[in-house]
Amino acid sequence: MNQDTFNIEIRKFLKLVGVTSQREIEKAVEEALAAGRLKGGETLSARMVLTIEGLGVVHEIKGEIALE
């Protein structure tokens, strides 16, 4: 295994996850605000699950996203 290539591939994957996740969160919050489902001062519970098939990895991350 080439460690440099492996690290670059992990970073590319994590960048993709970060960018696309942020866009989805922003879109969902904007839609919820426009529909009146959120008022703008809430703190949202969030959960992300990383699954790597073939390795049996399932890693869950929980956190909160404050809107104000």
C-alpha atoms as a PDB file:
ATOM      1  CA  MET A   1       0.000   0.000   0.000  1.00  0.00           C
ATOM      2  CA  ASN A   2       1.210   3.472  -0.839  1.00  0.00           C
ATOM      3  CA  GLN A   3       0.668   5.536   2.320  1.00  0.00           C
ATOM      4  CA  ASP A   4       0.779   8.883   0.494  1.00  0.00           C
ATOM      5  CA  THR A   5      -1.846   7.818  -2.034  1.00  0.00           C
ATOM      6  CA  PHE A   6      -4.001   6.376   0.745  1.00  0.00           C
ATOM      7  CA  ASN A   7      -3.861   9.616   2.760  1.00  0.00           C
ATOM      8  CA  ILE A   8      -4.694  11.723  -0.307  1.00  0.00           C
ATOM      9  CA  GLU A   9      -7.675   9.505  -1.119  1.00  0.00           C
ATOM     10  CA  ILE A  10      -8.972   9.742   2.460  1.00  0.00           C
ATOM     11  CA  ARG A  11      -8.653  13.534   2.374  1.00  0.00           C
ATOM     12  CA  LYS A  12     -10.471  13.729  -0.983  1.00  0.00           C
ATOM     13  CA  PHE A  13     -13.295  11.598   0.394  1.00  0.00           C
ATOM     14  CA  LEU A  14     -13.569  13.649   3.596  1.00  0.00           C
ATOM     15  CA  LYS A  15     -13.575  16.904   1.622  1.00  0.00           C
ATOM     16  CA  LEU A  16     -16.421  15.571  -0.530  1.00  0.00           C
ATOM     17  CA  VAL A  17     -18.329  14.523   2.592  1.00  0.00           C
ATOM     18  CA  GLY A  18     -17.795  17.908   4.232  1.00  0.00           C
ATOM     19  CA  VAL A  19     -18.754  20.034   1.236  1.00  0.00           C
ATOM     20  CA  THR A  20     -21.815  18.031   0.232  1.00  0.00           C
ATOM     21  CA  SER A  21     -23.009  17.653   3.830  1.00  0.00           C
ATOM     22  CA  GLN A  22     -22.757  21.392   4.443  1.00  0.00           C
ATOM     23  CA  ARG A  23     -24.756  22.120   1.289  1.00  0.00           C
ATOM     24  CA  GLU A  24     -27.482  19.668   2.285  1.00  0.00           C
ATOM     25  CA  ILE A  25     -27.737  21.082   5.805  1.00  0.00           C
ATOM     26  CA  GLU A  26     -27.892  24.663   4.526  1.00  0.00           C
ATOM     27  CA  LYS A  27     -30.547  23.747   1.965  1.00  0.00           C
ATOM     28  CA  ALA A  28     -32.691  21.881   4.512  1.00  0.00           C
ATOM     29  CA  VAL A  29     -32.471  24.720   7.047  1.00  0.00           C
ATOM     30  CA  GLU A  30     -33.337  27.368   4.437  1.00  0.00           C
ATOM     31  CA  GLU A  31     -36.359  25.335   3.316  1.00  0.00           C
ATOM     32  CA  ALA A  32     -37.500  24.749   6.911  1.00  0.00           C
ATOM     33  CA  LEU A  33     -37.175  28.467   7.706  1.00  0.00           C
ATOM     34  CA  ALA A  34     -39.145  29.414   4.587  1.00  0.00           C
ATOM     35  CA  ALA A  35     -41.867  26.884   5.444  1.00  0.00           C
ATOM     36  CA  GLY A  36     -42.062  28.058   9.045  1.00  0.00           C
ATOM     37  CA  ARG A  37     -40.914  24.731  10.491  1.00  0.00           C
ATOM     38  CA  LEU A  38     -37.958  26.525  12.084  1.00  0.00           C
ATOM     39  CA  LYS A  39     -37.862  29.980  13.619  1.00  0.00           C
ATOM     40  CA  GLY A  40     -34.080  30.478  13.447  1.00  0.00           C
ATOM     41  CA  GLY A  41     -33.009  30.214  17.066  1.00  0.00           C
ATOM     42  CA  GLU A  42     -33.081  26.439  17.417  1.00  0.00           C
ATOM     43  CA  THR A  43     -30.255  24.034  18.054  1.00  0.00           C
ATOM     44  CA  LEU A  44     -30.524  20.971  15.826  1.00  0.00           C
ATOM     45  CA  SER A  45     -29.332  17.516  16.796  1.00  0.00           C
ATOM     46  CA  ALA A  46     -27.253  15.950  14.058  1.00  0.00           C
ATOM     47  CA  ARG A  47     -25.880  12.478  13.455  1.00  0.00           C
ATOM     48  CA  MET A  48     -23.460  11.245  10.801  1.00  0.00           C
ATOM     49  CA  VAL A  49     -22.735   7.589  10.175  1.00  0.00           C
ATOM     50  CA  LEU A  50     -19.584   6.505   8.362  1.00  0.00           C
ATOM     51  CA  THR A  51     -19.858   3.035   6.873  1.00  0.00           C
ATOM     52  CA  ILE A  52     -16.991   1.323   5.088  1.00  0.00           C
ATOM     53  CA  GLU A  53     -18.231  -1.797   3.389  1.00  0.00           C
ATOM     54  CA  GLY A  54     -15.716  -4.586   3.215  1.00  0.00           C
ATOM     55  CA  LEU A  55     -14.095  -3.525   6.490  1.00  0.00           C
ATOM     56  CA  GLY A  56     -17.120  -3.768   8.746  1.00  0.00           C
ATOM     57  CA  VAL A  57     -16.670  -0.176   9.917  1.00  0.00           C
ATOM     58  CA  VAL A  58     -19.713   1.663  11.218  1.00  0.00           C
ATOM     59  CA  HIS A  59     -18.771   4.854  13.045  1.00  0.00           C
ATOM     60  CA  GLU A  60     -21.400   7.250  14.374  1.00  0.00           C
ATOM     61  CA  ILE A  61     -20.778  10.887  15.201  1.00  0.00           C
ATOM     62  CA  LYS A  62     -23.372  12.938  17.083  1.00  0.00           C
ATOM     63  CA  GLY A  63     -23.422  16.671  17.571  1.00  0.00           C
ATOM     64  CA  GLU A  64     -25.469  19.811  17.546  1.00  0.00           C
ATOM     65  CA  ILE A  65     -25.836  22.663  15.102  1.00  0.00           C
ATOM     66  CA  ALA A  66     -26.917  25.975  16.598  1.00  0.00           C
ATOM     67  CA  LEU A  67     -28.769  28.338  14.288  1.00  0.00           C
ATOM     68  CA  GLU A  68     -28.183  31.377  16.466  1.00  0.00           C
END
